[in-house]
Amino acid sequence: MEEEFDYNFSEDPRFSVERYEEMIRNHDQYFFDAQVFENIIDYYIEKNDPVKALQVVGYARSQHPFAAVFLIKQAQLFIVTNQVADAFAILEKAESLEPSEADIYIIRGNLYESLERHEEALENYEKALPLAEETDDILLHIAFVYQSKGEYDSAITYLKLCLEQNMENQDALYELAFCYDVMDRQHESVQFYEQYIDKEPYSYAAWYNLGNAFTKLGLFEKAIDAYDYAILINESFTYAYFNKGNALINLDKFAEAIEVYKQTLEYESASADTYCSIGECYEKLERMDEARAYYKKAVRKDAKMGDAWFGIGVTLDFEERYFEAMRYYKRALELDNNNADYWFAIADANYKLGNLPESEEAYAKVIELNPLDVDAWLDYSSILYEQYKITAAIETIAEAIKNNPDAAELFYRMVAYLFAKGEYNEALKYLETALTTDPEKHYILFEYLPQLQENKAIVDIINRFYRI
């Protein structure tokens, strides 16, 4: 026999749950109001027990067969339990009962979005728009779909519509910044956030995104001002502190950056990134003991942080402890074998240790990974030259010039090698090219081979381009 209880909607949901669980224990059948069933379902969802929540939905549907809300709840739970086909089927039933219910199309749109069926997702979100009371989250999801399709202009349009509906939608603010960044339209990003801040001056997220846009434009002073406003509005917003620290590093204000990074530790537990950044600042200040201490803190937090292991090596290298430095460089390389900076450090350390073949191999790897690294080409060719491999040094610089045709340093080095080989006419041709590219750098030639200052032909050519 079915027993009926008249529950008040505002009752404690735990009482409803107790009555429901009593019914299950007694293998009985109580009648619950639809709102009470919703409360019980939500209780189990909050407890992260979708199986029990689905069981309640079954009872609710049997007692309230024409209530679309329970079909919608069931579809959501089927998604959580990875029963996608069942979720689609239940949503079809819900639509036949209540075709004006926006949640049906939102959930179906979410499903299609997760399956990367973009057009079907958009179709359902568009259906939901005129039916929903609040549309900012729907507009945000439409923007997500356009992002997935790589149609960033359309994504920007919908993100702006989202913010017109709800100016406090921070996800939309961040996604808009992402779209402008992907499209390399930072000036538009600045313009948008400045206009937005005129209307919402206390939006710390908008100030933060404005700071990021200024950073990407290299306007670090303006970026710092924007981050300061974000911090003033929300003093525990650690991302603003961290990015302000990064901006200060770009201005070579390392001591100030350290203080800013340390402020983040007042609001959250230290991350490996924060420790590593502090270590880098101390390294730039040539306070190597302190730098090493923070790099070590970073690797204790995250043993897979290659930059921290590398940083330890740099501090040891600075102290001319090359053999010890090598150990840490190699540890960094184990974590990222394609990092050109790590290979460069290993090449340089091997050179300092007199391990020229190993240094050669490492430099070869550097230029393979980054053929635009002019210093690596110069160092690599220099090692060859020091071992009297003059032809190989010339060939190396020729290859370097192909990859870096505007680097005057390479042409001046080629002049030195060609003179050393006795190919004077060819050397003078390269000298003219070097001087045409950048006459002020002619001193590089004399630094590398001082004896060339006595060569009248070279001096005469230089005098035509630049007064010594």
Protein backbone atom coordinates (compact mmCIF):
# COMPACT_ATOMS: atom_id res chain seq x y z
CA MET A 1 0.00 0.00 0.00
CA GLU A 2 1.33 3.43 -0.94
CA GLU A 3 1.75 5.79 1.99
CA GLU A 4 1.55 9.55 1.35
CA PHE A 5 3.54 12.19 3.23
CA ASP A 6 2.83 15.89 2.85
CA TYR A 7 6.27 17.50 2.89
CA ASN A 8 7.01 21.21 2.94
CA PHE A 9 9.42 22.22 0.15
CA SER A 10 11.61 24.03 2.64
CA GLU A 11 12.14 21.03 4.88
CA ASP A 12 15.63 19.79 5.69
CA PRO A 13 16.59 17.53 2.73
CA ARG A 14 18.28 15.14 5.15
CA PHE A 15 14.87 14.33 6.61
CA SER A 16 13.58 13.53 3.11
CA VAL A 17 16.62 11.33 2.50
CA GLU A 18 16.05 9.48 5.77
CA ARG A 19 12.40 8.80 4.82
CA TYR A 20 13.48 7.67 1.35
CA GLU A 21 16.14 5.31 2.75
CA GLU A 22 13.61 3.98 5.27
CA MET A 23 11.31 3.19 2.35
CA ILE A 24 14.13 1.29 0.59
CA ARG A 25 14.99 -0.67 3.76
CA ASN A 26 11.37 -1.60 4.35
CA HIS A 27 10.78 -2.49 0.69
CA ASP A 28 7.83 -0.14 0.90
CA GLN A 29 6.40 2.51 -1.42
CA TYR A 30 5.98 6.06 -0.10
CA PHE A 31 4.71 8.97 -2.14
CA PHE A 32 7.02 11.97 -2.41
CA ASP A 33 6.24 15.37 -3.86
CA ALA A 34 8.24 16.17 -7.04
CA GLN A 35 10.22 18.90 -5.28
CA VAL A 36 11.15 16.51 -2.48
CA PHE A 37 12.37 13.96 -5.03
CA GLU A 38 14.52 16.70 -6.60
CA ASN A 39 16.00 17.47 -3.18
CA ILE A 40 16.83 13.80 -2.60
CA ILE A 41 18.42 13.45 -6.07
CA ASP A 42 20.48 16.60 -5.51
CA TYR A 43 21.60 15.29 -2.10
CA TYR A 44 23.10 12.16 -3.67
CA ILE A 45 24.63 14.17 -6.52
CA GLU A 46 26.36 16.42 -3.96
CA LYS A 47 27.56 13.28 -2.16
CA ASN A 48 29.05 12.14 -5.50
CA ASP A 49 26.87 9.03 -5.58
CA PRO A 50 25.33 9.01 -9.08
CA VAL A 51 24.21 5.38 -8.80
CA LYS A 52 21.92 6.14 -5.84
CA ALA A 53 20.79 9.34 -7.53
CA LEU A 54 19.76 7.32 -10.61
CA GLN A 55 17.84 4.93 -8.34
CA VAL A 56 15.88 7.87 -6.91
CA VAL A 57 15.18 9.14 -10.45
CA GLY A 58 13.60 5.76 -11.22
CA TYR A 59 11.20 6.09 -8.29
CA ALA A 60 10.51 9.73 -9.16
CA ARG A 61 9.64 8.90 -12.77
CA SER A 62 7.29 6.13 -11.67
CA GLN A 63 5.39 8.56 -9.39
CA HIS A 64 5.64 11.62 -11.69
CA PRO A 65 5.70 10.19 -15.23
CA PHE A 66 4.97 13.51 -16.95
CA ALA A 67 7.57 15.60 -15.12
CA ALA A 68 10.32 16.37 -17.62
CA VAL A 69 12.61 17.50 -14.80
CA PHE A 70 13.33 13.88 -13.84
CA LEU A 71 14.16 12.92 -17.41
CA ILE A 72 16.60 15.84 -17.50
CA LYS A 73 18.15 14.73 -14.19
CA GLN A 74 18.43 11.20 -15.54
CA ALA A 75 20.15 12.40 -18.70
CA GLN A 76 22.66 14.37 -16.63
CA LEU A 77 23.38 11.31 -14.50
CA PHE A 78 23.74 9.08 -17.55
CA ILE A 79 26.41 11.49 -18.80
CA VAL A 80 28.23 11.33 -15.46
CA THR A 81 28.15 7.52 -15.57
CA ASN A 82 29.31 7.51 -19.22
CA GLN A 83 26.03 6.20 -20.65
CA VAL A 84 25.98 8.60 -23.59
CA ALA A 85 23.53 6.74 -25.84
CA ASP A 86 21.03 6.45 -22.96
CA ALA A 87 21.44 10.17 -22.27
CA PHE A 88 20.52 11.04 -25.87
CA ALA A 89 17.49 8.72 -25.74
CA ILE A 90 16.20 10.21 -22.48
CA LEU A 91 16.61 13.75 -23.80
CA GLU A 92 14.43 12.81 -26.79
CA LYS A 93 11.69 11.72 -24.36
CA ALA A 94 12.10 14.91 -22.33
CA GLU A 95 11.76 17.01 -25.47
CA SER A 96 8.50 15.26 -26.42
CA LEU A 97 7.10 16.06 -22.96
CA GLU A 98 8.41 19.61 -22.58
CA PRO A 99 9.86 21.02 -25.83
CA SER A 100 10.19 24.49 -24.33
CA GLU A 101 12.61 23.39 -21.59
CA ALA A 102 15.98 25.05 -22.30
CA ASP A 103 17.99 22.56 -20.23
CA ILE A 104 17.18 19.79 -22.72
CA TYR A 105 18.98 21.61 -25.52
CA ILE A 106 21.79 22.83 -23.26
CA ILE A 107 22.58 19.29 -22.06
CA ARG A 108 22.33 17.89 -25.58
CA GLY A 109 24.58 20.70 -26.80
CA ASN A 110 27.10 19.83 -24.08
CA LEU A 111 27.05 16.21 -25.23
CA TYR A 112 27.60 17.10 -28.87
CA GLU A 113 30.32 19.57 -27.85
CA SER A 114 32.16 16.84 -25.89
CA LEU A 115 31.91 14.57 -28.94
CA GLU A 116 33.27 17.39 -31.17
CA ARG A 117 30.10 17.31 -33.26
CA HIS A 118 30.24 21.07 -33.59
CA GLU A 119 27.32 21.84 -35.88
CA GLU A 120 24.88 19.76 -33.81
CA ALA A 121 26.15 21.40 -30.63
CA LEU A 122 25.59 24.87 -32.12
CA GLU A 123 22.12 23.90 -33.33
CA ASN A 124 21.07 22.86 -29.82
CA TYR A 125 22.59 25.90 -28.11
CA GLU A 126 20.79 28.17 -30.57
CA LYS A 127 17.52 26.41 -29.70
CA ALA A 128 18.17 26.98 -26.01
CA LEU A 129 18.85 30.72 -26.32
CA PRO A 130 15.24 31.99 -26.70
CA LEU A 131 14.01 29.55 -24.03
CA ALA A 132 16.48 30.24 -21.23
CA GLU A 133 16.04 32.95 -18.59
CA GLU A 134 19.81 33.52 -18.38
CA THR A 135 21.80 33.10 -21.56
CA ASP A 136 25.40 34.08 -20.70
CA ASP A 137 26.56 30.49 -20.10
CA ILE A 138 24.92 29.32 -23.35
CA LEU A 139 26.66 32.10 -25.26
CA LEU A 140 29.92 31.08 -23.58
CA HIS A 141 29.48 27.49 -24.76
CA ILE A 142 28.74 28.67 -28.30
CA ALA A 143 32.02 30.59 -28.14
CA PHE A 144 33.81 27.42 -26.95
CA VAL A 145 32.49 25.51 -29.97
CA TYR A 146 33.71 28.20 -32.36
CA GLN A 147 37.11 28.10 -30.64
CA SER A 148 37.22 24.33 -31.19
CA LYS A 149 36.49 24.96 -34.87
CA GLY A 150 39.28 27.53 -35.02
CA GLU A 151 36.79 30.30 -35.86
CA TYR A 152 38.07 32.85 -33.36
CA ASP A 153 36.27 35.88 -34.82
CA SER A 154 32.94 34.17 -34.23
CA ALA A 155 34.08 33.12 -30.77
CA ILE A 156 34.94 36.75 -29.95
CA THR A 157 31.48 37.87 -31.12
CA TYR A 158 29.73 35.44 -28.76
CA LEU A 159 32.06 36.15 -25.85
CA LYS A 160 31.20 39.83 -26.15
CA LEU A 161 27.49 38.96 -26.24
CA CYS A 162 28.03 36.84 -23.14
CA LEU A 163 29.60 39.79 -21.33
CA GLU A 164 26.73 42.05 -22.40
CA GLN A 165 24.42 39.62 -20.62
CA ASN A 166 26.66 39.23 -17.57
CA MET A 167 29.63 41.54 -17.19
CA GLU A 168 30.87 39.48 -14.24
CA ASN A 169 31.32 36.27 -16.25
CA GLN A 170 35.04 35.84 -15.62
CA ASP A 171 35.33 32.76 -17.84
CA ALA A 172 34.24 34.91 -20.78
CA LEU A 173 36.80 37.56 -19.86
CA TYR A 174 39.64 35.03 -19.82
CA GLU A 175 38.50 33.29 -23.01
CA LEU A 176 38.29 36.61 -24.82
CA ALA A 177 41.89 37.31 -23.83
CA PHE A 178 42.84 33.85 -25.14
CA CYS A 179 41.17 34.48 -28.52
CA TYR A 180 42.85 37.86 -28.97
CA ASP A 181 46.17 36.23 -28.05
CA VAL A 182 45.78 33.37 -30.55
CA MET A 183 44.94 35.87 -33.28
CA ASP A 184 47.83 38.14 -32.21
CA ARG A 185 45.47 41.08 -31.83
CA GLN A 186 46.78 42.48 -28.56
CA HIS A 187 45.98 46.09 -29.45
CA GLU A 188 42.30 45.16 -29.84
CA SER A 189 42.52 43.28 -26.56
CA VAL A 190 43.84 46.39 -24.80
CA GLN A 191 41.11 48.53 -26.35
CA PHE A 192 38.37 46.11 -25.27
CA TYR A 193 39.55 45.74 -21.68
CA GLU A 194 40.06 49.49 -21.28
CA GLN A 195 36.48 50.07 -22.45
CA TYR A 196 35.26 47.27 -20.20
CA ILE A 197 37.07 48.75 -17.18
CA ASP A 198 35.41 52.11 -17.84
CA LYS A 199 32.11 50.35 -17.13
CA GLU A 200 33.38 47.88 -14.51
CA PRO A 201 36.37 49.53 -12.79
CA TYR A 202 36.40 46.98 -9.96
CA SER A 203 36.80 43.91 -12.15
CA TYR A 204 40.14 42.47 -11.06
CA ALA A 205 39.93 39.90 -13.87
CA ALA A 206 39.68 42.67 -16.47
CA TRP A 207 42.66 44.54 -15.00
CA TYR A 208 44.60 41.26 -14.96
CA ASN A 209 43.82 40.52 -18.62
CA LEU A 210 44.73 44.10 -19.54
CA GLY A 211 48.08 43.55 -17.80
CA ASN A 212 48.64 40.38 -19.81
CA ALA A 213 47.85 42.18 -23.07
CA PHE A 214 50.32 44.97 -22.22
CA THR A 215 52.93 42.31 -21.35
CA LYS A 216 52.55 40.67 -24.75
CA LEU A 217 53.03 44.08 -26.37
CA GLY A 218 56.22 44.59 -24.35
CA LEU A 219 54.67 47.49 -22.42
CA PHE A 220 55.85 46.21 -19.05
CA GLU A 221 55.42 49.43 -17.05
CA LYS A 222 51.76 49.65 -18.12
CA ALA A 223 51.36 45.94 -17.40
CA ILE A 224 52.65 46.42 -13.85
CA ASP A 225 50.17 49.26 -13.29
CA ALA A 226 47.31 47.02 -14.46
CA TYR A 227 48.43 44.14 -12.24
CA ASP A 228 48.63 46.57 -9.30
CA TYR A 229 44.98 47.53 -9.80
CA ALA A 230 44.01 43.84 -9.93
CA ILE A 231 45.89 43.27 -6.66
CA LEU A 232 44.33 46.37 -5.07
CA ILE A 233 40.85 45.02 -5.84
CA ASN A 234 41.68 41.41 -4.88
CA GLU A 235 44.78 41.25 -2.70
CA SER A 236 44.82 37.44 -2.69
CA PHE A 237 44.85 37.17 -6.51
CA THR A 238 48.16 35.34 -6.79
CA TYR A 239 48.22 35.18 -10.61
CA ALA A 240 48.49 38.98 -10.70
CA TYR A 241 51.46 38.93 -8.29
CA PHE A 242 53.18 36.23 -10.36
CA ASN A 243 52.73 38.01 -13.68
CA LYS A 244 53.76 41.31 -12.12
CA GLY A 245 56.96 39.57 -11.03
CA ASN A 246 57.52 38.37 -14.59
CA ALA A 247 57.03 41.91 -15.91
CA LEU A 248 59.57 43.24 -13.40
CA ILE A 249 62.07 40.62 -14.59
CA ASN A 250 61.63 41.92 -18.14
CA LEU A 251 62.60 45.37 -16.82
CA ASP A 252 65.64 43.87 -15.04
CA LYS A 253 64.10 44.83 -11.68
CA PHE A 254 65.07 41.55 -10.07
CA ALA A 255 65.07 42.63 -6.41
CA GLU A 256 61.54 44.05 -6.76
CA ALA A 257 60.42 40.89 -8.56
CA ILE A 258 61.65 38.75 -5.67
CA GLU A 259 59.52 40.73 -3.20
CA VAL A 260 56.45 40.39 -5.43
CA TYR A 261 56.93 36.64 -5.87
CA LYS A 262 57.31 36.25 -2.12
CA GLN A 263 54.00 38.04 -1.61
CA THR A 264 52.23 35.16 -3.35
CA LEU A 265 53.41 32.91 -0.51
CA GLU A 266 51.16 34.87 1.87
CA TYR A 267 48.04 33.68 0.02
CA GLU A 268 48.84 30.17 -1.21
CA SER A 269 51.33 27.41 -0.62
CA ALA A 270 54.48 27.91 -2.63
CA SER A 271 54.60 26.34 -6.08
CA ALA A 272 57.67 25.05 -7.87
CA ASP A 273 57.19 27.80 -10.47
CA THR A 274 57.34 30.51 -7.78
CA TYR A 275 60.48 29.07 -6.20
CA CYS A 276 62.10 28.73 -9.63
CA SER A 277 61.28 32.33 -10.54
CA ILE A 278 62.73 33.60 -7.27
CA GLY A 279 65.83 31.51 -7.93
CA GLU A 280 66.17 33.06 -11.39
CA CYS A 281 66.03 36.56 -9.90
CA TYR A 282 68.75 35.79 -7.37
CA GLU A 283 70.79 34.28 -10.21
CA LYS A 284 70.49 37.49 -12.24
CA LEU A 285 71.62 39.42 -9.16
CA GLU A 286 74.61 37.02 -8.98
CA ARG A 287 73.56 35.94 -5.48
CA MET A 288 74.23 32.33 -6.35
CA ASP A 289 73.87 30.72 -2.92
CA GLU A 290 70.36 32.13 -2.56
CA ALA A 291 69.52 31.27 -6.15
CA ARG A 292 70.64 27.69 -5.66
CA ALA A 293 68.63 27.40 -2.43
CA TYR A 294 65.41 28.40 -4.21
CA TYR A 295 66.10 26.20 -7.24
CA LYS A 296 66.52 23.29 -4.81
CA LYS A 297 63.21 24.17 -3.17
CA ALA A 298 61.65 24.06 -6.63
CA VAL A 299 62.93 20.55 -7.42
CA ARG A 300 61.80 19.33 -4.02
CA LYS A 301 58.32 20.55 -4.94
CA ASP A 302 58.49 19.17 -8.46
CA ALA A 303 61.32 16.81 -9.36
CA LYS A 304 60.30 17.04 -13.03
CA MET A 305 60.95 20.79 -13.33
CA GLY A 306 63.83 20.87 -15.77
CA ASP A 307 64.39 24.62 -15.50
CA ALA A 308 65.07 24.31 -11.76
CA TRP A 309 67.68 21.55 -12.26
CA PHE A 310 69.17 23.69 -15.02
CA GLY A 311 69.22 26.72 -12.71
CA ILE A 312 71.23 24.80 -10.11
CA GLY A 313 73.72 23.99 -12.86
CA VAL A 314 73.96 27.64 -13.89
CA THR A 315 74.83 28.71 -10.33
CA LEU A 316 77.58 26.11 -10.15
CA ASP A 317 78.85 27.06 -13.61
CA PHE A 318 79.10 30.68 -12.46
CA GLU A 319 81.33 29.50 -9.62
CA GLU A 320 83.49 27.61 -12.18
CA ARG A 321 82.35 24.28 -10.77
CA TYR A 322 81.85 22.95 -14.26
CA PHE A 323 81.99 19.24 -13.48
CA GLU A 324 79.27 19.60 -10.83
CA ALA A 325 77.22 21.85 -13.10
CA MET A 326 77.28 19.18 -15.80
CA ARG A 327 75.45 16.74 -13.53
CA TYR A 328 72.52 19.13 -13.13
CA TYR A 329 72.46 20.11 -16.80
CA LYS A 330 72.20 16.43 -17.72
CA ARG A 331 69.38 15.95 -15.20
CA ALA A 332 67.51 18.80 -16.88
CA LEU A 333 68.19 17.26 -20.29
CA GLU A 334 66.73 13.93 -19.15
CA LEU A 335 63.46 15.78 -18.57
CA ASP A 336 63.53 17.72 -21.86
CA ASN A 337 65.91 16.31 -24.43
CA ASN A 338 64.91 18.87 -27.06
CA ASN A 339 65.69 21.98 -25.05
CA ALA A 340 68.29 23.96 -26.98
CA ASP A 341 69.29 26.01 -23.89
CA TYR A 342 70.16 22.85 -21.96
CA TRP A 343 72.28 21.54 -24.85
CA PHE A 344 74.04 24.92 -25.14
CA ALA A 345 74.97 24.85 -21.44
CA ILE A 346 76.31 21.31 -21.79
CA ALA A 347 78.31 22.32 -24.86
CA ASP A 348 79.80 25.31 -23.04
CA ALA A 349 80.60 23.32 -19.88
CA ASN A 350 82.30 20.58 -21.91
CA TYR A 351 84.37 23.23 -23.67
CA LYS A 352 85.47 24.69 -20.33
CA LEU A 353 86.37 21.19 -19.15
CA GLY A 354 88.45 20.62 -22.30
CA ASN A 355 86.08 17.97 -23.67
CA LEU A 356 86.09 19.33 -27.21
CA PRO A 357 84.52 16.36 -29.07
CA GLU A 358 81.65 16.28 -26.56
CA SER A 359 81.29 20.05 -26.88
CA GLU A 360 81.15 19.76 -30.68
CA GLU A 361 78.39 17.16 -30.48
CA ALA A 362 76.36 19.31 -28.10
CA TYR A 363 76.69 22.44 -30.25
CA ALA A 364 75.62 20.42 -33.29
CA LYS A 365 72.48 19.49 -31.36
CA VAL A 366 71.85 23.14 -30.41
CA ILE A 367 71.88 24.36 -34.00
CA GLU A 368 69.77 21.40 -35.08
CA LEU A 369 67.13 22.42 -32.53
CA ASN A 370 67.53 26.17 -33.00
CA PRO A 371 69.27 27.19 -36.23
CA LEU A 372 68.59 30.86 -35.38
CA ASP A 373 70.95 30.79 -32.39
CA VAL A 374 73.82 32.90 -33.74
CA ASP A 375 75.95 32.45 -30.61
CA ALA A 376 75.76 28.68 -30.94
CA TRP A 377 76.97 28.84 -34.56
CA LEU A 378 79.85 31.12 -33.55
CA ASP A 379 80.90 28.91 -30.64
CA TYR A 380 80.58 25.71 -32.67
CA SER A 381 82.70 27.08 -35.51
CA SER A 382 85.24 28.43 -33.01
CA ILE A 383 85.80 24.97 -31.54
CA LEU A 384 86.41 23.64 -35.04
CA TYR A 385 88.82 26.51 -35.76
CA GLU A 386 90.73 25.91 -32.51
CA GLN A 387 91.27 22.30 -33.61
CA TYR A 388 92.66 23.55 -36.97
CA LYS A 389 89.54 22.34 -38.79
CA ILE A 390 89.41 25.60 -40.73
CA THR A 391 87.47 24.25 -43.72
CA ALA A 392 84.85 22.77 -41.39
CA ALA A 393 84.64 26.09 -39.52
CA ILE A 394 84.06 27.95 -42.81
CA GLU A 395 81.40 25.46 -43.89
CA THR A 396 79.69 25.82 -40.52
CA ILE A 397 79.57 29.62 -40.75
CA ALA A 398 78.31 29.39 -44.35
CA GLU A 399 75.42 27.25 -43.11
CA ALA A 400 74.86 29.70 -40.25
CA ILE A 401 74.58 32.59 -42.74
CA LYS A 402 71.96 30.70 -44.76
CA ASN A 403 69.85 30.48 -41.60
CA ASN A 404 70.66 33.99 -40.32
CA PRO A 405 71.32 36.21 -43.36
CA ASP A 406 70.99 39.44 -41.33
CA ALA A 407 73.48 38.54 -38.60
CA ALA A 408 76.54 40.70 -39.20
CA GLU A 409 78.51 38.77 -36.56
CA LEU A 410 78.54 35.72 -38.82
CA PHE A 411 79.95 37.63 -41.79
CA TYR A 412 82.73 39.15 -39.68
CA ARG A 413 83.62 35.69 -38.37
CA MET A 414 83.69 34.35 -41.92
CA VAL A 415 86.20 37.10 -42.80
CA ALA A 416 88.47 35.92 -39.98
CA TYR A 417 88.34 32.26 -41.05
CA LEU A 418 88.90 33.04 -44.72
CA PHE A 419 91.94 35.19 -43.89
CA ALA A 420 93.29 32.40 -41.70
CA LYS A 421 92.94 30.05 -44.67
CA GLY A 422 94.60 32.50 -47.03
CA GLU A 423 91.50 33.18 -49.16
CA TYR A 424 91.97 36.97 -49.03
CA ASN A 425 89.81 38.06 -51.97
CA GLU A 426 86.85 36.03 -50.74
CA ALA A 427 87.42 37.39 -47.23
CA LEU A 428 87.27 40.99 -48.47
CA LYS A 429 83.96 40.27 -50.26
CA TYR A 430 82.48 39.01 -46.98
CA LEU A 431 83.90 42.05 -45.19
CA GLU A 432 81.99 44.38 -47.49
CA THR A 433 78.81 42.42 -46.89
CA ALA A 434 79.40 42.54 -43.13
CA LEU A 435 79.96 46.30 -43.20
CA THR A 436 76.86 46.80 -45.33
CA THR A 437 74.84 44.79 -42.80
CA ASP A 438 76.19 46.55 -39.70
CA PRO A 439 79.37 48.67 -39.92
CA GLU A 440 79.43 49.43 -36.19
CA LYS A 441 80.13 45.79 -35.38
CA HIS A 442 83.46 45.73 -37.23
CA TYR A 443 85.23 45.54 -33.84
CA ILE A 444 84.10 41.89 -33.63
CA LEU A 445 86.60 41.04 -36.33
CA PHE A 446 89.52 42.55 -34.41
CA GLU A 447 88.43 40.98 -31.13
CA TYR A 448 88.61 37.56 -32.72
CA LEU A 449 91.81 38.09 -34.74
CA PRO A 450 93.60 41.21 -33.35
CA GLN A 451 96.40 40.89 -35.91
CA LEU A 452 93.97 41.93 -38.66
CA GLN A 453 94.16 45.52 -37.35
CA GLU A 454 97.53 45.67 -39.12
CA ASN A 455 96.05 44.62 -42.47
CA LYS A 456 95.89 47.72 -44.69
CA ALA A 457 93.32 46.28 -47.13
CA ILE A 458 90.91 45.55 -44.31
CA VAL A 459 91.44 48.93 -42.63
CA ASP A 460 90.91 50.77 -45.93
CA ILE A 461 87.61 48.98 -46.60
CA ILE A 462 86.38 49.64 -43.06
CA ASN A 463 87.31 53.33 -43.32
CA ARG A 464 85.04 53.63 -46.33
CA PHE A 465 82.05 52.47 -44.26
CA TYR A 466 82.91 53.68 -40.77
CA ARG A 467 85.40 56.11 -39.25
CA ILE A 468 87.51 54.21 -36.70
